[in-house]
Amino acid sequence: PQSRRRKFTWRSPTGALPEAIAYLTEITKQVPDFQPAWRSLAQIAIGEKRFDDALSIIQGIFTRDPSDFEAQLLRARVWLAKGDTKRAIEDLQKMGEVFPGLGLESQTLASAYLQDGDRPKALLAQQRARVSAERGHDFEIAA
């Protein structure tokens, strides 16, 4: 079956990142509970390697919605980028418990296990990600 990837990315009309950041920031001021804008700001911070800023934004998302799946995945990716594989693995395993049967976190979990040097667990997580994609649960966050 063909993969059905869903990406959510904010773009400014000119493609300028500062303009996109200003636009998203304005949205969050006008509609503080609009999580996609907050997640996009976190994604931009991750892309710019401003990991502490990203974590701060993600923490704000959790104050509004502690079970925000995308924010949990973003936080795990920040931990990986910072080299904290233990925290990333812990977060991703919790996601698997909260959202059992979906396997949406499995691809990132496979990367975390590889980064941590645990090849057998990485292969299992990769297999789970493949099964999840075959079931139509393929999911990706552009970061």
C-alpha atoms as a PDB file:
ATOM      1  CA  PRO A   1       0.000   0.000   0.000  1.00  0.00           C
ATOM      2  CA  GLN A   2       1.102   3.548  -0.638  1.00  0.00           C
ATOM      3  CA  SER A   3       2.291   5.554   2.310  1.00  0.00           C
ATOM      4  CA  ARG A   4      -0.057   8.290   3.474  1.00  0.00           C
ATOM      5  CA  ARG A   5       2.171  10.852   5.133  1.00  0.00           C
ATOM      6  CA  ARG A   6       0.600  13.892   6.668  1.00  0.00           C
ATOM      7  CA  LYS A   7       2.844  16.898   7.137  1.00  0.00           C
ATOM      8  CA  PHE A   8       1.908  20.167   8.695  1.00  0.00           C
ATOM      9  CA  THR A   9       4.283  22.987   7.825  1.00  0.00           C
ATOM     10  CA  TRP A  10       3.825  26.724   8.083  1.00  0.00           C
ATOM     11  CA  ARG A  11       5.176  28.797   5.218  1.00  0.00           C
ATOM     12  CA  SER A  12       5.204  32.522   4.841  1.00  0.00           C
ATOM     13  CA  PRO A  13       4.067  33.920   1.500  1.00  0.00           C
ATOM     14  CA  THR A  14       7.676  34.893   0.708  1.00  0.00           C
ATOM     15  CA  GLY A  15       9.257  31.808   2.280  1.00  0.00           C
ATOM     16  CA  ALA A  16      11.070  34.003   4.802  1.00  0.00           C
ATOM     17  CA  LEU A  17      11.564  32.309   8.156  1.00  0.00           C
ATOM     18  CA  PRO A  18      11.469  35.532  10.242  1.00  0.00           C
ATOM     19  CA  GLU A  19       8.142  36.397   8.618  1.00  0.00           C
ATOM     20  CA  ALA A  20       6.798  32.916   9.418  1.00  0.00           C
ATOM     21  CA  ILE A  21       7.946  33.217  13.039  1.00  0.00           C
ATOM     22  CA  ALA A  22       6.298  36.636  13.375  1.00  0.00           C
ATOM     23  CA  TYR A  23       3.086  35.305  11.828  1.00  0.00           C
ATOM     24  CA  LEU A  24       2.983  32.254  14.103  1.00  0.00           C
ATOM     25  CA  THR A  25       3.778  34.354  17.163  1.00  0.00           C
ATOM     26  CA  GLU A  26       0.909  36.687  16.296  1.00  0.00           C
ATOM     27  CA  ILE A  27      -1.430  33.699  15.937  1.00  0.00           C
ATOM     28  CA  THR A  28      -0.416  32.395  19.368  1.00  0.00           C
ATOM     29  CA  LYS A  29      -1.148  35.816  20.886  1.00  0.00           C
ATOM     30  CA  GLN A  30      -4.574  36.015  19.268  1.00  0.00           C
ATOM     31  CA  VAL A  31      -5.507  32.355  19.780  1.00  0.00           C
ATOM     32  CA  PRO A  32      -3.333  30.954  22.594  1.00  0.00           C
ATOM     33  CA  ASP A  33      -4.933  27.504  22.436  1.00  0.00           C
ATOM     34  CA  PHE A  34      -4.167  26.955  18.734  1.00  0.00           C
ATOM     35  CA  GLN A  35      -1.683  24.120  19.179  1.00  0.00           C
ATOM     36  CA  PRO A  36      -0.540  23.803  15.525  1.00  0.00           C
ATOM     37  CA  ALA A  37       1.022  27.286  15.689  1.00  0.00           C
ATOM     38  CA  TRP A  38       2.873  26.416  18.895  1.00  0.00           C
ATOM     39  CA  ARG A  39       4.075  23.109  17.432  1.00  0.00           C
ATOM     40  CA  SER A  40       5.280  24.908  14.306  1.00  0.00           C
ATOM     41  CA  LEU A  41       7.244  27.375  16.435  1.00  0.00           C
ATOM     42  CA  ALA A  42       8.811  24.418  18.259  1.00  0.00           C
ATOM     43  CA  GLN A  43       9.677  22.788  14.924  1.00  0.00           C
ATOM     44  CA  ILE A  44      11.359  25.984  13.749  1.00  0.00           C
ATOM     45  CA  ALA A  45      13.335  26.203  17.003  1.00  0.00           C
ATOM     46  CA  ILE A  46      14.452  22.582  16.554  1.00  0.00           C
ATOM     47  CA  GLY A  47      15.468  23.295  12.960  1.00  0.00           C
ATOM     48  CA  GLU A  48      17.528  26.244  14.166  1.00  0.00           C
ATOM     49  CA  LYS A  49      19.083  24.081  16.910  1.00  0.00           C
ATOM     50  CA  ARG A  50      17.546  26.243  19.637  1.00  0.00           C
ATOM     51  CA  PHE A  51      16.674  23.165  21.658  1.00  0.00           C
ATOM     52  CA  ASP A  52      16.046  24.896  24.991  1.00  0.00           C
ATOM     53  CA  ASP A  53      13.621  27.291  23.283  1.00  0.00           C
ATOM     54  CA  ALA A  54      11.904  24.323  21.654  1.00  0.00           C
ATOM     55  CA  LEU A  55      11.571  22.578  25.027  1.00  0.00           C
ATOM     56  CA  SER A  56      10.094  25.729  26.540  1.00  0.00           C
ATOM     57  CA  ILE A  57       7.513  25.975  23.746  1.00  0.00           C
ATOM     58  CA  ILE A  58       6.694  22.273  24.063  1.00  0.00           C
ATOM     59  CA  GLN A  59       6.246  22.644  27.817  1.00  0.00           C
ATOM     60  CA  GLY A  60       3.729  25.413  27.098  1.00  0.00           C
ATOM     61  CA  ILE A  61       1.846  23.048  24.806  1.00  0.00           C
ATOM     62  CA  PHE A  62       1.698  20.472  27.604  1.00  0.00           C
ATOM     63  CA  THR A  63       0.168  23.020  29.992  1.00  0.00           C
ATOM     64  CA  ARG A  64      -2.771  23.233  27.569  1.00  0.00           C
ATOM     65  CA  ASP A  65      -2.861  19.569  26.530  1.00  0.00           C
ATOM     66  CA  PRO A  66      -0.662  17.118  28.487  1.00  0.00           C
ATOM     67  CA  SER A  67      -1.401  14.315  26.018  1.00  0.00           C
ATOM     68  CA  ASP A  68      -0.535  16.218  22.810  1.00  0.00           C
ATOM     69  CA  PHE A  69       0.965  13.420  20.736  1.00  0.00           C
ATOM     70  CA  GLU A  70       2.852  15.642  18.302  1.00  0.00           C
ATOM     71  CA  ALA A  71       4.406  17.669  21.117  1.00  0.00           C
ATOM     72  CA  GLN A  72       5.524  14.455  22.810  1.00  0.00           C
ATOM     73  CA  LEU A  73       7.159  13.322  19.593  1.00  0.00           C
ATOM     74  CA  LEU A  74       8.825  16.718  19.134  1.00  0.00           C
ATOM     75  CA  ARG A  75      10.170  16.598  22.681  1.00  0.00           C
ATOM     76  CA  ALA A  76      11.648  13.152  22.058  1.00  0.00           C
ATOM     77  CA  ARG A  77      13.322  14.512  18.932  1.00  0.00           C
ATOM     78  CA  VAL A  78      14.787  17.377  20.967  1.00  0.00           C
ATOM     79  CA  TRP A  79      16.198  14.880  23.483  1.00  0.00           C
ATOM     80  CA  LEU A  80      17.760  12.935  20.602  1.00  0.00           C
ATOM     81  CA  ALA A  81      19.251  16.089  19.100  1.00  0.00           C
ATOM     82  CA  LYS A  82      20.712  16.986  22.496  1.00  0.00           C
ATOM     83  CA  GLY A  83      22.193  13.491  22.774  1.00  0.00           C
ATOM     84  CA  ASP A  84      19.939  12.473  25.669  1.00  0.00           C
ATOM     85  CA  THR A  85      18.841   9.105  24.285  1.00  0.00           C
ATOM     86  CA  LYS A  86      17.670   7.822  27.661  1.00  0.00           C
ATOM     87  CA  ARG A  87      15.086  10.600  27.986  1.00  0.00           C
ATOM     88  CA  ALA A  88      14.044  10.217  24.351  1.00  0.00           C
ATOM     89  CA  ILE A  89      13.543   6.472  24.757  1.00  0.00           C
ATOM     90  CA  GLU A  90      11.626   6.995  28.000  1.00  0.00           C
ATOM     91  CA  ASP A  91       9.281   9.531  26.349  1.00  0.00           C
ATOM     92  CA  LEU A  92       8.759   7.360  23.276  1.00  0.00           C
ATOM     93  CA  GLN A  93       8.041   4.250  25.328  1.00  0.00           C
ATOM     94  CA  LYS A  94       5.429   6.181  27.316  1.00  0.00           C
ATOM     95  CA  MET A  95       3.862   7.298  24.038  1.00  0.00           C
ATOM     96  CA  GLY A  96       3.577   3.661  22.996  1.00  0.00           C
ATOM     97  CA  GLU A  97       1.787   2.913  26.265  1.00  0.00           C
ATOM     98  CA  VAL A  98      -0.597   5.887  25.991  1.00  0.00           C
ATOM     99  CA  PHE A  99      -1.367   5.215  22.323  1.00  0.00           C
ATOM    100  CA  PRO A 100      -1.085   1.411  22.108  1.00  0.00           C
ATOM    101  CA  GLY A 101      -1.427  -0.303  18.794  1.00  0.00           C
ATOM    102  CA  LEU A 102      -0.643   2.739  16.671  1.00  0.00           C
ATOM    103  CA  GLY A 103       3.126   2.526  16.602  1.00  0.00           C
ATOM    104  CA  LEU A 104       3.385   6.150  15.478  1.00  0.00           C
ATOM    105  CA  GLU A 105       6.398   6.724  17.711  1.00  0.00           C
ATOM    106  CA  SER A 106       8.239   3.630  16.479  1.00  0.00           C
ATOM    107  CA  GLN A 107      10.356   5.250  13.746  1.00  0.00           C
ATOM    108  CA  THR A 108      11.783   7.813  16.165  1.00  0.00           C
ATOM    109  CA  LEU A 109      12.167   5.100  18.807  1.00  0.00           C
ATOM    110  CA  ALA A 110      14.177   3.019  16.330  1.00  0.00           C
ATOM    111  CA  SER A 111      16.491   6.002  15.802  1.00  0.00           C
ATOM    112  CA  ALA A 112      16.842   6.479  19.553  1.00  0.00           C
ATOM    113  CA  TYR A 113      17.752   2.830  20.100  1.00  0.00           C
ATOM    114  CA  LEU A 114      20.329   3.016  17.297  1.00  0.00           C
ATOM    115  CA  GLN A 115      21.809   6.172  18.785  1.00  0.00           C
ATOM    116  CA  ASP A 116      21.941   4.376  22.131  1.00  0.00           C
ATOM    117  CA  GLY A 117      23.691   1.378  20.540  1.00  0.00           C
ATOM    118  CA  ASP A 118      20.834  -1.108  20.992  1.00  0.00           C
ATOM    119  CA  ARG A 119      20.512  -2.580  17.499  1.00  0.00           C
ATOM    120  CA  PRO A 120      18.083  -5.440  18.366  1.00  0.00           C
ATOM    121  CA  LYS A 121      15.555  -3.042  19.913  1.00  0.00           C
ATOM    122  CA  ALA A 122      16.038  -0.638  16.999  1.00  0.00           C
ATOM    123  CA  LEU A 123      15.177  -3.393  14.540  1.00  0.00           C
ATOM    124  CA  LEU A 124      12.043  -4.315  16.504  1.00  0.00           C
ATOM    125  CA  ALA A 125      10.926  -0.691  16.621  1.00  0.00           C
ATOM    126  CA  GLN A 126      11.594  -0.350  12.893  1.00  0.00           C
ATOM    127  CA  GLN A 127       9.475  -3.420  12.214  1.00  0.00           C
ATOM    128  CA  ARG A 128       6.662  -1.974  14.340  1.00  0.00           C
ATOM    129  CA  ALA A 129       6.889   1.288  12.359  1.00  0.00           C
ATOM    130  CA  ARG A 130       6.551  -0.664   9.111  1.00  0.00           C
ATOM    131  CA  VAL A 131       3.471  -2.503  10.397  1.00  0.00           C
ATOM    132  CA  SER A 132       1.997   0.802  11.567  1.00  0.00           C
ATOM    133  CA  ALA A 133       2.532   2.325   8.112  1.00  0.00           C
ATOM    134  CA  GLU A 134       0.866  -0.676   6.465  1.00  0.00           C
ATOM    135  CA  ARG A 135      -2.166  -0.117   8.684  1.00  0.00           C
ATOM    136  CA  GLY A 136      -2.367   3.474   7.501  1.00  0.00           C
ATOM    137  CA  HIS A 137      -0.991   4.971  10.694  1.00  0.00           C
ATOM    138  CA  ASP A 138       2.009   6.495   8.976  1.00  0.00           C
ATOM    139  CA  PHE A 139       2.708   9.876  10.479  1.00  0.00           C
ATOM    140  CA  GLU A 140       5.513  12.362  10.175  1.00  0.00           C
ATOM    141  CA  ILE A 141       6.260  15.726  11.675  1.00  0.00           C
ATOM    142  CA  ALA A 142       8.465  17.963   9.606  1.00  0.00           C
ATOM    143  CA  ALA A 143      11.234  19.162  11.858  1.00  0.00           C
END
